[in-house]
Amino acid sequence: RNLSQVDFWSFYTALPFSLPRRQDVGNIHPDDEWMQKLGPALIESDDYLAAKLAIPLSTIFEEK
């Protein structure tokens, strides 16, 4: 597959496991080139999802 035709989100959602979260990024070796490139985006998206998905389950499942 041509890598220029696959975006990271599509790749990420197809993985059978999750990528490192904010608290995990700091535990990865500082010389890891992938993490140098992806780390800031992973941290930002983890923070964004945490804020957007901080919905009480009672709100989600309450009957109307």
Foldseek 3Di string as FASTA:
>chain_A
DPPVVDDPVNVQVPDPDHDDALVCLVVDPPVPPVCVVCVVVRHVVNVVCCVVVPDDVCVVPPDD
